[in-house]
Amino acid sequence: MKHSVVSGAPKSRFVPMAWGAGALASVVMVLGVNGTLSSWTQAVINNDTNDTKSTVAVALEELSGATSCVDSATVAGNVATCSGINKYGDTVLDPDGTNTHSETVTMKNTGTAAGDLTVSADSCAATLTNGDPVSASMCGSATVKVTCGATPTTVFNTGTLDAFDTAGDKVVTNLDPAETINCTFLVTLPTNAPAQYSDQIASQPITWTLVAS
């Protein structure tokens, strides 16, 4: 009788301990799964290539010797004023001596699109060298001729400075990107010019325009 009581007591205590260990393992397993599921509440896609583009454009540069004038991207319309290149040379013309002057400039398309190049002149104004007005302007007597290209093509045939103004835009050529063209201005004071045209300064703005083609 003592033998059966002693052997039964340890067995009855062991069973509850075994069930308790199993329940603990289940709790740990459930908590572990729930912790993993919490990272499935979002999905991420990164777009690493998002581009926008600008269109091609023309840009213009004028060169004469070491002087370079370029249009300005900071000004609306890409307009630049170049005072450093004088197409008429600022030279003294003498009908009884050297009555012509030739000046060559280079025009370059520095943009990314081809364009049509034109040249035009504004009104010519003449004053005496002392600044006084004139009675007869040499703008109606002095002439200019414009030729462009390796094999010179006449852009403006010989005419007075006043006529150059009224002629409007004159087509020079079509310029591809990085392409250049040389243009020569030949200014002449006729050998028969009367003395009333003496001691004058004639000034005339000239404009180059490059329009995408």
C-alpha atoms as a PDB file:
ATOM      1  CA  MET A   1       0.000   0.000   0.000  1.00  0.00           C
ATOM      2  CA  LYS A   2       2.794   2.436   0.743  1.00  0.00           C
ATOM      3  CA  HIS A   3       4.406   1.583  -2.603  1.00  0.00           C
ATOM      4  CA  SER A   4       1.371   2.509  -4.683  1.00  0.00           C
ATOM      5  CA  VAL A   5       0.818   5.866  -2.931  1.00  0.00           C
ATOM      6  CA  VAL A   6       4.424   6.982  -3.330  1.00  0.00           C
ATOM      7  CA  SER A   7       4.660   6.092  -7.023  1.00  0.00           C
ATOM      8  CA  GLY A   8       1.370   7.906  -7.888  1.00  0.00           C
ATOM      9  CA  ALA A   9       2.192  11.277  -6.283  1.00  0.00           C
ATOM     10  CA  PRO A  10       4.989  12.413  -8.706  1.00  0.00           C
ATOM     11  CA  LYS A  11       2.880  11.421 -11.739  1.00  0.00           C
ATOM     12  CA  SER A  12      -0.069  13.632 -10.734  1.00  0.00           C
ATOM     13  CA  ARG A  13       2.241  16.690 -10.283  1.00  0.00           C
ATOM     14  CA  PHE A  14       4.076  16.229 -13.672  1.00  0.00           C
ATOM     15  CA  VAL A  15       1.020  16.430 -15.963  1.00  0.00           C
ATOM     16  CA  PRO A  16       0.002  20.048 -15.132  1.00  0.00           C
ATOM     17  CA  MET A  17       3.579  21.226 -15.651  1.00  0.00           C
ATOM     18  CA  ALA A  18       3.682  19.664 -19.130  1.00  0.00           C
ATOM     19  CA  TRP A  19       0.446  21.429 -20.207  1.00  0.00           C
ATOM     20  CA  GLY A  20       1.746  24.722 -18.816  1.00  0.00           C
ATOM     21  CA  ALA A  21       4.910  24.541 -20.965  1.00  0.00           C
ATOM     22  CA  GLY A  22       2.839  23.823 -24.067  1.00  0.00           C
ATOM     23  CA  ALA A  23       0.591  26.819 -23.464  1.00  0.00           C
ATOM     24  CA  LEU A  24       3.586  29.115 -23.023  1.00  0.00           C
ATOM     25  CA  ALA A  25       5.091  27.960 -26.310  1.00  0.00           C
ATOM     26  CA  SER A  26       1.824  28.690 -28.093  1.00  0.00           C
ATOM     27  CA  VAL A  27       1.691  32.224 -26.763  1.00  0.00           C
ATOM     28  CA  VAL A  28       5.245  32.938 -27.851  1.00  0.00           C
ATOM     29  CA  MET A  29       4.543  31.568 -31.336  1.00  0.00           C
ATOM     30  CA  VAL A  30       1.401  33.689 -31.775  1.00  0.00           C
ATOM     31  CA  LEU A  31       3.144  36.850 -30.631  1.00  0.00           C
ATOM     32  CA  GLY A  32       5.989  36.175 -33.042  1.00  0.00           C
ATOM     33  CA  VAL A  33       3.664  35.825 -36.035  1.00  0.00           C
ATOM     34  CA  ASN A  34       1.677  38.940 -35.111  1.00  0.00           C
ATOM     35  CA  GLY A  35       4.906  40.959 -34.906  1.00  0.00           C
ATOM     36  CA  THR A  36       5.842  39.919 -38.460  1.00  0.00           C
ATOM     37  CA  LEU A  37       2.412  40.733 -39.875  1.00  0.00           C
ATOM     38  CA  SER A  38       2.670  44.352 -38.641  1.00  0.00           C
ATOM     39  CA  SER A  39       5.346  45.086 -41.338  1.00  0.00           C
ATOM     40  CA  TRP A  40       2.857  44.212 -44.143  1.00  0.00           C
ATOM     41  CA  THR A  41       0.790  47.359 -43.658  1.00  0.00           C
ATOM     42  CA  GLN A  42       2.583  49.368 -46.434  1.00  0.00           C
ATOM     43  CA  ALA A  43       4.166  48.860 -49.877  1.00  0.00           C
ATOM     44  CA  VAL A  44       6.788  51.156 -51.455  1.00  0.00           C
ATOM     45  CA  ILE A  45       7.802  51.831 -55.103  1.00  0.00           C
ATOM     46  CA  ASN A  46      10.529  54.408 -55.816  1.00  0.00           C
ATOM     47  CA  ASN A  47      10.506  56.217 -59.230  1.00  0.00           C
ATOM     48  CA  ASP A  48      14.129  57.216 -59.733  1.00  0.00           C
ATOM     49  CA  THR A  49      13.804  58.605 -63.295  1.00  0.00           C
ATOM     50  CA  ASN A  50      11.445  61.581 -63.800  1.00  0.00           C
ATOM     51  CA  ASP A  51      12.525  63.942 -66.613  1.00  0.00           C
ATOM     52  CA  THR A  52      11.333  67.083 -68.336  1.00  0.00           C
ATOM     53  CA  LYS A  53      12.963  68.640 -71.389  1.00  0.00           C
ATOM     54  CA  SER A  54      13.447  72.069 -72.969  1.00  0.00           C
ATOM     55  CA  THR A  55      13.043  72.648 -76.674  1.00  0.00           C
ATOM     56  CA  VAL A  56      15.927  73.367 -79.049  1.00  0.00           C
ATOM     57  CA  ALA A  57      16.731  77.007 -79.795  1.00  0.00           C
ATOM     58  CA  VAL A  58      18.902  79.279 -81.902  1.00  0.00           C
ATOM     59  CA  ALA A  59      21.571  81.532 -80.414  1.00  0.00           C
ATOM     60  CA  LEU A  60      23.764  84.074 -82.194  1.00  0.00           C
ATOM     61  CA  GLU A  61      27.343  85.266 -81.802  1.00  0.00           C
ATOM     62  CA  GLU A  62      29.162  88.004 -83.720  1.00  0.00           C
ATOM     63  CA  LEU A  63      32.949  87.986 -83.895  1.00  0.00           C
ATOM     64  CA  SER A  64      35.486  90.492 -85.152  1.00  0.00           C
ATOM     65  CA  GLY A  65      39.099  89.858 -84.232  1.00  0.00           C
ATOM     66  CA  ALA A  66      39.266  89.341 -80.468  1.00  0.00           C
ATOM     67  CA  THR A  67      35.839  90.930 -79.916  1.00  0.00           C
ATOM     68  CA  SER A  68      32.852  88.638 -79.386  1.00  0.00           C
ATOM     69  CA  CYS A  69      29.235  89.637 -78.866  1.00  0.00           C
ATOM     70  CA  VAL A  70      26.590  87.070 -77.919  1.00  0.00           C
ATOM     71  CA  ASP A  71      22.854  87.251 -77.376  1.00  0.00           C
ATOM     72  CA  SER A  72      21.837  87.201 -73.741  1.00  0.00           C
ATOM     73  CA  ALA A  73      19.756  84.365 -72.273  1.00  0.00           C
ATOM     74  CA  THR A  74      18.924  86.599 -69.305  1.00  0.00           C
ATOM     75  CA  VAL A  75      17.045  89.097 -71.494  1.00  0.00           C
ATOM     76  CA  ALA A  76      13.615  88.359 -72.951  1.00  0.00           C
ATOM     77  CA  GLY A  77      13.909  87.558 -76.643  1.00  0.00           C
ATOM     78  CA  ASN A  78      17.648  86.840 -76.377  1.00  0.00           C
ATOM     79  CA  VAL A  79      18.676  90.348 -77.421  1.00  0.00           C
ATOM     80  CA  ALA A  80      22.135  91.840 -77.011  1.00  0.00           C
ATOM     81  CA  THR A  81      23.575  95.263 -77.846  1.00  0.00           C
ATOM     82  CA  CYS A  82      27.090  95.106 -79.260  1.00  0.00           C
ATOM     83  CA  SER A  83      28.992  98.390 -79.256  1.00  0.00           C
ATOM     84  CA  GLY A  84      32.423  96.837 -79.685  1.00  0.00           C
ATOM     85  CA  ILE A  85      32.131  95.917 -83.387  1.00  0.00           C
ATOM     86  CA  ASN A  86      31.883  98.845 -85.830  1.00  0.00           C
ATOM     87  CA  LYS A  87      30.889  97.625 -89.307  1.00  0.00           C
ATOM     88  CA  TYR A  88      31.704 100.998 -90.864  1.00  0.00           C
ATOM     89  CA  GLY A  89      35.122 101.086 -89.218  1.00  0.00           C
ATOM     90  CA  ASP A  90      34.941 104.601 -87.722  1.00  0.00           C
ATOM     91  CA  THR A  91      37.377 105.648 -90.430  1.00  0.00           C
ATOM     92  CA  VAL A  92      37.782 108.969 -92.269  1.00  0.00           C
ATOM     93  CA  LEU A  93      36.757 108.747 -95.925  1.00  0.00           C
ATOM     94  CA  ASP A  94      38.303 111.173 -98.408  1.00  0.00           C
ATOM     95  CA  PRO A  95      36.808 111.509-101.886  1.00  0.00           C
ATOM     96  CA  ASP A  96      40.204 112.749-103.086  1.00  0.00           C
ATOM     97  CA  GLY A  97      42.113 109.889-101.431  1.00  0.00           C
ATOM     98  CA  THR A  98      41.024 106.699 -99.669  1.00  0.00           C
ATOM     99  CA  ASN A  99      37.295 106.796-100.165  1.00  0.00           C
ATOM    100  CA  THR A 100      36.430 103.203 -99.174  1.00  0.00           C
ATOM    101  CA  HIS A 101      36.615 101.057 -96.055  1.00  0.00           C
ATOM    102  CA  SER A 102      36.029  97.294 -95.759  1.00  0.00           C
ATOM    103  CA  GLU A 103      35.087  95.498 -92.527  1.00  0.00           C
ATOM    104  CA  THR A 104      34.458  91.743 -92.152  1.00  0.00           C
ATOM    105  CA  VAL A 105      32.584  90.098 -89.297  1.00  0.00           C
ATOM    106  CA  THR A 106      31.761  86.459 -88.519  1.00  0.00           C
ATOM    107  CA  MET A 107      28.271  85.347 -87.529  1.00  0.00           C
ATOM    108  CA  LYS A 108      27.862  82.020 -85.717  1.00  0.00           C
ATOM    109  CA  ASN A 109      24.837  79.979 -84.670  1.00  0.00           C
ATOM    110  CA  THR A 110      25.771  78.873 -81.149  1.00  0.00           C
ATOM    111  CA  GLY A 111      22.364  77.303 -80.495  1.00  0.00           C
ATOM    112  CA  THR A 112      20.950  73.799 -80.965  1.00  0.00           C
ATOM    113  CA  ALA A 113      18.566  74.491 -83.871  1.00  0.00           C
ATOM    114  CA  ALA A 114      19.068  75.701 -87.437  1.00  0.00           C
ATOM    115  CA  GLY A 115      17.947  79.255 -88.206  1.00  0.00           C
ATOM    116  CA  ASP A 116      17.499  81.827 -90.963  1.00  0.00           C
ATOM    117  CA  LEU A 117      19.892  84.779 -90.605  1.00  0.00           C
ATOM    118  CA  THR A 118      18.883  88.271 -91.733  1.00  0.00           C
ATOM    119  CA  VAL A 119      20.489  91.704 -91.469  1.00  0.00           C
ATOM    120  CA  SER A 120      18.826  95.118 -91.408  1.00  0.00           C
ATOM    121  CA  ALA A 121      19.726  98.730 -90.734  1.00  0.00           C
ATOM    122  CA  ASP A 122      17.968 101.463 -88.777  1.00  0.00           C
ATOM    123  CA  SER A 123      17.858 105.130 -89.680  1.00  0.00           C
ATOM    124  CA  CYS A 124      21.171 106.800 -90.422  1.00  0.00           C
ATOM    125  CA  ALA A 125      21.979 110.044 -88.610  1.00  0.00           C
ATOM    126  CA  ALA A 126      24.713 112.521 -89.490  1.00  0.00           C
ATOM    127  CA  THR A 127      26.219 115.353 -87.444  1.00  0.00           C
ATOM    128  CA  LEU A 128      29.249 117.561 -87.829  1.00  0.00           C
ATOM    129  CA  THR A 129      32.282 116.343 -85.883  1.00  0.00           C
ATOM    130  CA  ASN A 130      31.705 119.197 -83.433  1.00  0.00           C
ATOM    131  CA  GLY A 131      28.181 117.880 -82.817  1.00  0.00           C
ATOM    132  CA  ASP A 132      26.302 120.541 -84.798  1.00  0.00           C
ATOM    133  CA  PRO A 133      23.518 119.499 -87.185  1.00  0.00           C
ATOM    134  CA  VAL A 134      24.190 119.260 -90.904  1.00  0.00           C
ATOM    135  CA  SER A 135      22.481 120.951 -93.808  1.00  0.00           C
ATOM    136  CA  ALA A 136      23.054 117.988 -96.146  1.00  0.00           C
ATOM    137  CA  SER A 137      23.522 114.534 -94.595  1.00  0.00           C
ATOM    138  CA  MET A 138      26.205 112.201 -95.892  1.00  0.00           C
ATOM    139  CA  CYS A 139      23.718 109.362 -95.133  1.00  0.00           C
ATOM    140  CA  GLY A 140      22.279 110.154 -98.549  1.00  0.00           C
ATOM    141  CA  SER A 141      25.691 110.190-100.220  1.00  0.00           C
ATOM    142  CA  ALA A 142      27.896 107.504 -98.610  1.00  0.00           C
ATOM    143  CA  THR A 143      27.127 104.002 -99.866  1.00  0.00           C
ATOM    144  CA  VAL A 144      27.407 100.486 -98.405  1.00  0.00           C
ATOM    145  CA  LYS A 145      27.568  97.049 -99.975  1.00  0.00           C
ATOM    146  CA  VAL A 146      27.109  93.824 -97.969  1.00  0.00           C
ATOM    147  CA  THR A 147      28.431  90.484 -99.206  1.00  0.00           C
ATOM    148  CA  CYS A 148      28.484  87.172 -97.310  1.00  0.00           C
ATOM    149  CA  GLY A 149      29.896  83.676 -97.717  1.00  0.00           C
ATOM    150  CA  ALA A 150      33.093  81.974 -98.891  1.00  0.00           C
ATOM    151  CA  THR A 151      32.037  82.674-102.461  1.00  0.00           C
ATOM    152  CA  PRO A 152      30.704  86.177-101.806  1.00  0.00           C
ATOM    153  CA  THR A 153      26.978  86.553-102.362  1.00  0.00           C
ATOM    154  CA  THR A 154      25.559  90.061-102.449  1.00  0.00           C
ATOM    155  CA  VAL A 155      23.112  90.573 -99.580  1.00  0.00           C
ATOM    156  CA  PHE A 156      22.660  94.307-100.125  1.00  0.00           C
ATOM    157  CA  ASN A 157      23.830  95.769-103.405  1.00  0.00           C
ATOM    158  CA  THR A 158      25.576  99.112-103.351  1.00  0.00           C
ATOM    159  CA  GLY A 159      23.191 101.782-102.072  1.00  0.00           C
ATOM    160  CA  THR A 160      23.225 104.771 -99.771  1.00  0.00           C
ATOM    161  CA  LEU A 161      23.058 104.368 -96.012  1.00  0.00           C
ATOM    162  CA  ASP A 162      19.527 105.763 -96.176  1.00  0.00           C
ATOM    163  CA  ALA A 163      18.630 103.115 -98.770  1.00  0.00           C
ATOM    164  CA  PHE A 164      20.061 100.381 -96.524  1.00  0.00           C
ATOM    165  CA  ASP A 165      17.565 101.483 -93.880  1.00  0.00           C
ATOM    166  CA  THR A 166      14.535 101.420 -96.178  1.00  0.00           C
ATOM    167  CA  ALA A 167      15.512  98.042 -97.674  1.00  0.00           C
ATOM    168  CA  GLY A 168      14.311  96.233 -94.518  1.00  0.00           C
ATOM    169  CA  ASP A 169      15.432  92.720 -93.560  1.00  0.00           C
ATOM    170  CA  LYS A 170      17.878  91.192 -96.035  1.00  0.00           C
ATOM    171  CA  VAL A 171      18.261  87.393 -96.064  1.00  0.00           C
ATOM    172  CA  VAL A 172      21.841  86.252 -95.456  1.00  0.00           C
ATOM    173  CA  THR A 173      21.670  82.450 -95.183  1.00  0.00           C
ATOM    174  CA  ASN A 174      20.433  79.481 -93.171  1.00  0.00           C
ATOM    175  CA  LEU A 175      22.815  78.574 -90.353  1.00  0.00           C
ATOM    176  CA  ASP A 176      22.999  75.107 -88.807  1.00  0.00           C
ATOM    177  CA  PRO A 177      24.098  74.754 -85.168  1.00  0.00           C
ATOM    178  CA  ALA A 178      27.810  75.685 -84.824  1.00  0.00           C
ATOM    179  CA  GLU A 179      27.894  76.946 -88.434  1.00  0.00           C
ATOM    180  CA  THR A 180      29.507  80.302 -89.261  1.00  0.00           C
ATOM    181  CA  ILE A 181      29.431  82.778 -92.132  1.00  0.00           C
ATOM    182  CA  ASN A 182      31.619  85.807 -92.885  1.00  0.00           C
ATOM    183  CA  CYS A 183      30.015  89.067 -94.017  1.00  0.00           C
ATOM    184  CA  THR A 184      31.860  92.082 -95.415  1.00  0.00           C
ATOM    185  CA  PHE A 185      30.660  95.697 -95.320  1.00  0.00           C
ATOM    186  CA  LEU A 186      32.189  98.008 -97.947  1.00  0.00           C
ATOM    187  CA  VAL A 187      31.536 101.687 -97.233  1.00  0.00           C
ATOM    188  CA  THR A 188      32.293 104.256 -99.926  1.00  0.00           C
ATOM    189  CA  LEU A 189      32.178 108.036-100.191  1.00  0.00           C
ATOM    190  CA  PRO A 190      31.797 108.882-103.889  1.00  0.00           C
ATOM    191  CA  THR A 191      34.756 110.626-105.478  1.00  0.00           C
ATOM    192  CA  ASN A 192      32.447 113.381-106.718  1.00  0.00           C
ATOM    193  CA  ALA A 193      30.949 114.082-103.282  1.00  0.00           C
ATOM    194  CA  PRO A 194      30.538 117.855-102.814  1.00  0.00           C
ATOM    195  CA  ALA A 195      32.194 119.727 -99.956  1.00  0.00           C
ATOM    196  CA  GLN A 196      28.867 120.089 -98.115  1.00  0.00           C
ATOM    197  CA  TYR A 197      29.299 116.460 -96.970  1.00  0.00           C
ATOM    198  CA  SER A 198      32.681 117.181 -95.363  1.00  0.00           C
ATOM    199  CA  ASP A 199      33.532 116.995 -91.650  1.00  0.00           C
ATOM    200  CA  GLN A 200      30.578 114.752 -90.806  1.00  0.00           C
ATOM    201  CA  ILE A 201      30.010 111.611 -88.762  1.00  0.00           C
ATOM    202  CA  ALA A 202      27.330 109.231 -90.038  1.00  0.00           C
ATOM    203  CA  SER A 203      25.990 106.641 -87.593  1.00  0.00           C
ATOM    204  CA  GLN A 204      23.675 103.730 -88.384  1.00  0.00           C
ATOM    205  CA  PRO A 205      22.594 100.860 -86.107  1.00  0.00           C
ATOM    206  CA  ILE A 206      22.648  97.420 -87.748  1.00  0.00           C
ATOM    207  CA  THR A 207      20.679  94.411 -86.498  1.00  0.00           C
ATOM    208  CA  TRP A 208      21.299  90.708 -87.051  1.00  0.00           C
ATOM    209  CA  THR A 209      18.368  88.337 -86.496  1.00  0.00           C
ATOM    210  CA  LEU A 210      18.438  84.534 -86.374  1.00  0.00           C
ATOM    211  CA  VAL A 211      15.027  82.815 -86.461  1.00  0.00           C
ATOM    212  CA  ALA A 212      14.609  79.055 -86.004  1.00  0.00           C
ATOM    213  CA  SER A 213      13.733  77.394 -89.297  1.00  0.00           C
END
